[in-house]
Amino acid sequence: MSDVEFLKSKGIKITKARLVIYDMLKQADSSITADYIYEKCKELGIDINLSTVYRNLEALELKDIIDKFDLGEGRNSFAIKKNKHKHTLECNLCHKEIEVPCPMQQIEEMVRNQTGFVLTEHKLVLKGVCEECKINDGKCKKMTE
């Protein structure tokens, strides 16, 4: 599927600026900032203002095409969404399991931006007590089943 077809399938209006921004995000090895996109466009002779870059990034984020990463101090970076895996939370008391999205992509981006270090894998163990056990002093319906 071409970029144009993909963006149209997501309900994105096709503009030259949007295609350029999407292509830069696709080609990037890691997340990139709006300022980087803006400067790269200037280098390539593409007439675009920074506010247009931000509007297009916002549109792509709203359509769930890209992820936005908070780098701190009001700075953000952006990357094409990856196929995300999930992690399982298990209640220590009743052993009920709940799937949650993996929070590591945000951490990976922070590590890469602050240290240049690229994570190749991670292991995440999450333990706790489910809401029902917490409310009912450690006794939820799952335990009585």
C-alpha atoms as a PDB file:
ATOM      1  CA  MET A   1       0.000   0.000   0.000  1.00  0.00           C
ATOM      2  CA  SER A   2       1.417   3.400  -0.945  1.00  0.00           C
ATOM      3  CA  ASP A   3       1.760   6.231   1.587  1.00  0.00           C
ATOM      4  CA  VAL A   4      -1.092   8.095  -0.120  1.00  0.00           C
ATOM      5  CA  GLU A   5      -3.378   5.052   0.047  1.00  0.00           C
ATOM      6  CA  PHE A   6      -2.426   4.395   3.672  1.00  0.00           C
ATOM      7  CA  LEU A   7      -3.074   7.977   4.787  1.00  0.00           C
ATOM      8  CA  LYS A   8      -6.369   8.085   2.878  1.00  0.00           C
ATOM      9  CA  SER A   9      -7.426   4.827   4.540  1.00  0.00           C
ATOM     10  CA  LYS A  10      -6.884   6.533   7.908  1.00  0.00           C
ATOM     11  CA  GLY A  11      -9.043   9.497   6.873  1.00  0.00           C
ATOM     12  CA  ILE A  12      -6.107  11.874   6.398  1.00  0.00           C
ATOM     13  CA  LYS A  13      -6.381  14.580   3.766  1.00  0.00           C
ATOM     14  CA  ILE A  14      -3.370  14.373   1.464  1.00  0.00           C
ATOM     15  CA  THR A  15      -1.157  17.444   1.224  1.00  0.00           C
ATOM     16  CA  LYS A  16       2.423  17.862   0.065  1.00  0.00           C
ATOM     17  CA  ALA A  17       3.532  18.898   3.563  1.00  0.00           C
ATOM     18  CA  ARG A  18       1.811  15.916   5.166  1.00  0.00           C
ATOM     19  CA  LEU A  19       3.451  13.480   2.743  1.00  0.00           C
ATOM     20  CA  VAL A  20       6.892  14.989   3.363  1.00  0.00           C
ATOM     21  CA  ILE A  21       6.451  14.855   7.149  1.00  0.00           C
ATOM     22  CA  TYR A  22       5.099  11.297   7.041  1.00  0.00           C
ATOM     23  CA  ASP A  23       7.998  10.199   4.832  1.00  0.00           C
ATOM     24  CA  MET A  24      10.561  11.744   7.207  1.00  0.00           C
ATOM     25  CA  LEU A  25       8.969   9.939  10.129  1.00  0.00           C
ATOM     26  CA  LYS A  26       8.977   6.644   8.211  1.00  0.00           C
ATOM     27  CA  GLN A  27      12.645   6.962   7.293  1.00  0.00           C
ATOM     28  CA  ALA A  28      13.848   8.002  10.747  1.00  0.00           C
ATOM     29  CA  ASP A  29      15.679   5.412  12.853  1.00  0.00           C
ATOM     30  CA  SER A  30      14.277   6.942  16.025  1.00  0.00           C
ATOM     31  CA  SER A  31      11.784   9.586  17.042  1.00  0.00           C
ATOM     32  CA  ILE A  32      12.339  13.099  15.671  1.00  0.00           C
ATOM     33  CA  THR A  33      11.270  16.541  16.797  1.00  0.00           C
ATOM     34  CA  ALA A  34       9.118  19.079  14.985  1.00  0.00           C
ATOM     35  CA  ASP A  35      12.136  21.392  14.879  1.00  0.00           C
ATOM     36  CA  TYR A  36      14.190  18.679  13.171  1.00  0.00           C
ATOM     37  CA  ILE A  37      11.450  18.184  10.554  1.00  0.00           C
ATOM     38  CA  TYR A  38      11.202  21.944  10.010  1.00  0.00           C
ATOM     39  CA  GLU A  39      14.983  22.370   9.608  1.00  0.00           C
ATOM     40  CA  LYS A  40      15.207  19.355   7.277  1.00  0.00           C
ATOM     41  CA  CYS A  41      12.419  20.805   5.099  1.00  0.00           C
ATOM     42  CA  LYS A  42      14.295  24.118   4.885  1.00  0.00           C
ATOM     43  CA  GLU A  43      17.466  22.253   3.866  1.00  0.00           C
ATOM     44  CA  LEU A  44      15.504  20.437   1.147  1.00  0.00           C
ATOM     45  CA  GLY A  45      13.991  23.707  -0.103  1.00  0.00           C
ATOM     46  CA  ILE A  46      10.462  22.786   0.988  1.00  0.00           C
ATOM     47  CA  ASP A  47       8.457  25.877   1.919  1.00  0.00           C
ATOM     48  CA  ILE A  48       6.749  25.058   5.218  1.00  0.00           C
ATOM     49  CA  ASN A  49       6.378  26.872   8.531  1.00  0.00           C
ATOM     50  CA  LEU A  50       6.867  25.364  11.947  1.00  0.00           C
ATOM     51  CA  SER A  51       3.176  25.767  12.811  1.00  0.00           C
ATOM     52  CA  THR A  52       2.302  23.649   9.752  1.00  0.00           C
ATOM     53  CA  VAL A  53       4.679  20.943  10.967  1.00  0.00           C
ATOM     54  CA  TYR A  54       3.005  20.943  14.393  1.00  0.00           C
ATOM     55  CA  ARG A  55      -0.524  20.871  12.894  1.00  0.00           C
ATOM     56  CA  ASN A  56       0.386  17.929  10.668  1.00  0.00           C
ATOM     57  CA  LEU A  57       2.020  16.024  13.526  1.00  0.00           C
ATOM     58  CA  GLU A  58      -1.098  16.608  15.610  1.00  0.00           C
ATOM     59  CA  ALA A  59      -3.323  15.314  12.786  1.00  0.00           C
ATOM     60  CA  LEU A  60      -1.187  12.170  12.407  1.00  0.00           C
ATOM     61  CA  GLU A  61      -1.234  11.609  16.167  1.00  0.00           C
ATOM     62  CA  LEU A  62      -5.020  12.042  16.352  1.00  0.00           C
ATOM     63  CA  LYS A  63      -5.441   9.401  13.644  1.00  0.00           C
ATOM     64  CA  ASP A  64      -3.241   7.021  15.661  1.00  0.00           C
ATOM     65  CA  ILE A  65      -0.496   6.916  13.011  1.00  0.00           C
ATOM     66  CA  ILE A  66       2.332   8.319  15.124  1.00  0.00           C
ATOM     67  CA  ASP A  67       3.337   8.366  18.779  1.00  0.00           C
ATOM     68  CA  LYS A  68       4.284  11.526  20.664  1.00  0.00           C
ATOM     69  CA  PHE A  69       7.015  11.266  23.313  1.00  0.00           C
ATOM     70  CA  ASP A  70       7.486  13.803  26.086  1.00  0.00           C
ATOM     71  CA  LEU A  71      11.194  14.607  26.346  1.00  0.00           C
ATOM     72  CA  GLY A  72      10.717  16.995  29.258  1.00  0.00           C
ATOM     73  CA  GLU A  73      11.084  20.771  29.388  1.00  0.00           C
ATOM     74  CA  GLY A  74       8.188  21.194  26.939  1.00  0.00           C
ATOM     75  CA  ARG A  75       9.950  19.211  24.207  1.00  0.00           C
ATOM     76  CA  ASN A  76       8.394  16.317  22.292  1.00  0.00           C
ATOM     77  CA  SER A  77       9.506  13.902  19.640  1.00  0.00           C
ATOM     78  CA  PHE A  78       7.445  11.824  17.237  1.00  0.00           C
ATOM     79  CA  ALA A  79       7.706   8.407  15.609  1.00  0.00           C
ATOM     80  CA  ILE A  80       5.597   6.112  13.450  1.00  0.00           C
ATOM     81  CA  LYS A  81       3.565   3.787  15.676  1.00  0.00           C
ATOM     82  CA  LYS A  82       5.107   0.363  16.093  1.00  0.00           C
ATOM     83  CA  ASN A  83       3.237  -2.863  16.535  1.00  0.00           C
ATOM     84  CA  LYS A  84       2.885  -2.781  20.265  1.00  0.00           C
ATOM     85  CA  HIS A  85       2.885  -5.750  22.518  1.00  0.00           C
ATOM     86  CA  LYS A  86       1.123  -5.874  25.844  1.00  0.00           C
ATOM     87  CA  HIS A  87       2.030  -6.883  29.352  1.00  0.00           C
ATOM     88  CA  THR A  88      -0.092  -8.745  31.862  1.00  0.00           C
ATOM     89  CA  LEU A  89      -0.855  -7.511  35.356  1.00  0.00           C
ATOM     90  CA  GLU A  90      -1.657 -10.268  37.834  1.00  0.00           C
ATOM     91  CA  CYS A  91      -3.361  -9.631  41.149  1.00  0.00           C
ATOM     92  CA  ASN A  92      -1.242 -10.967  44.023  1.00  0.00           C
ATOM     93  CA  LEU A  93      -4.391 -12.049  45.882  1.00  0.00           C
ATOM     94  CA  CYS A  94      -6.943 -13.434  43.406  1.00  0.00           C
ATOM     95  CA  HIS A  95      -4.567 -13.953  40.437  1.00  0.00           C
ATOM     96  CA  LYS A  96      -6.922 -12.147  38.039  1.00  0.00           C
ATOM     97  CA  GLU A  97      -4.985 -11.031  34.953  1.00  0.00           C
ATOM     98  CA  ILE A  98      -5.413  -7.801  33.009  1.00  0.00           C
ATOM     99  CA  GLU A  99      -3.591  -6.854  29.807  1.00  0.00           C
ATOM    100  CA  VAL A 100      -2.067  -3.381  29.634  1.00  0.00           C
ATOM    101  CA  PRO A 101      -0.188  -1.623  26.813  1.00  0.00           C
ATOM    102  CA  CYS A 102       3.585  -1.651  27.112  1.00  0.00           C
ATOM    103  CA  PRO A 103       4.864   1.642  28.564  1.00  0.00           C
ATOM    104  CA  MET A 104       8.445   0.992  27.500  1.00  0.00           C
ATOM    105  CA  GLN A 105       8.418   2.848  24.181  1.00  0.00           C
ATOM    106  CA  GLN A 106       8.277   6.176  26.039  1.00  0.00           C
ATOM    107  CA  ILE A 107      11.160   5.054  28.258  1.00  0.00           C
ATOM    108  CA  GLU A 108      13.163   3.819  25.247  1.00  0.00           C
ATOM    109  CA  GLU A 109      12.793   7.223  23.590  1.00  0.00           C
ATOM    110  CA  MET A 110      13.862   9.046  26.766  1.00  0.00           C
ATOM    111  CA  VAL A 111      16.913   6.788  27.134  1.00  0.00           C
ATOM    112  CA  ARG A 112      17.863   7.256  23.465  1.00  0.00           C
ATOM    113  CA  ASN A 113      17.444  11.037  23.576  1.00  0.00           C
ATOM    114  CA  GLN A 114      19.276  11.518  26.868  1.00  0.00           C
ATOM    115  CA  THR A 115      22.090   8.990  26.459  1.00  0.00           C
ATOM    116  CA  GLY A 116      22.182   7.853  22.834  1.00  0.00           C
ATOM    117  CA  PHE A 117      21.786   4.302  24.141  1.00  0.00           C
ATOM    118  CA  VAL A 118      19.485   2.088  22.042  1.00  0.00           C
ATOM    119  CA  LEU A 119      17.586  -0.593  23.940  1.00  0.00           C
ATOM    120  CA  THR A 120      17.324  -3.908  22.116  1.00  0.00           C
ATOM    121  CA  GLU A 121      15.004  -5.681  24.539  1.00  0.00           C
ATOM    122  CA  HIS A 122      13.274  -5.277  27.861  1.00  0.00           C
ATOM    123  CA  LYS A 123      11.647  -7.362  30.560  1.00  0.00           C
ATOM    124  CA  LEU A 124       8.906  -5.803  32.601  1.00  0.00           C
ATOM    125  CA  VAL A 125       7.307  -7.425  35.633  1.00  0.00           C
ATOM    126  CA  LEU A 126       4.272  -5.711  37.111  1.00  0.00           C
ATOM    127  CA  LYS A 127       2.695  -6.880  40.360  1.00  0.00           C
ATOM    128  CA  GLY A 128      -0.111  -5.494  42.433  1.00  0.00           C
ATOM    129  CA  VAL A 129      -3.583  -5.883  43.877  1.00  0.00           C
ATOM    130  CA  CYS A 130      -6.686  -5.516  41.704  1.00  0.00           C
ATOM    131  CA  GLU A 131      -9.285  -2.861  42.450  1.00  0.00           C
ATOM    132  CA  GLU A 132     -11.879  -5.375  43.612  1.00  0.00           C
ATOM    133  CA  CYS A 133      -9.515  -7.047  46.100  1.00  0.00           C
ATOM    134  CA  LYS A 134      -8.401  -3.636  47.363  1.00  0.00           C
ATOM    135  CA  ILE A 135     -12.008  -2.535  47.976  1.00  0.00           C
ATOM    136  CA  ASN A 136     -13.102  -5.850  49.517  1.00  0.00           C
ATOM    137  CA  ASP A 137     -10.140  -6.393  51.857  1.00  0.00           C
ATOM    138  CA  GLY A 138      -8.458  -8.937  49.622  1.00  0.00           C
ATOM    139  CA  LYS A 139     -11.563 -10.907  48.688  1.00  0.00           C
ATOM    140  CA  CYS A 140     -12.925 -10.519  45.172  1.00  0.00           C
ATOM    141  CA  LYS A 141     -15.417 -12.571  43.171  1.00  0.00           C
ATOM    142  CA  LYS A 142     -12.612 -14.371  41.342  1.00  0.00           C
ATOM    143  CA  MET A 143     -11.351 -15.801  44.629  1.00  0.00           C
ATOM    144  CA  THR A 144     -14.759 -17.253  45.507  1.00  0.00           C
ATOM    145  CA  GLU A 145     -15.237 -18.912  42.126  1.00  0.00           C
END
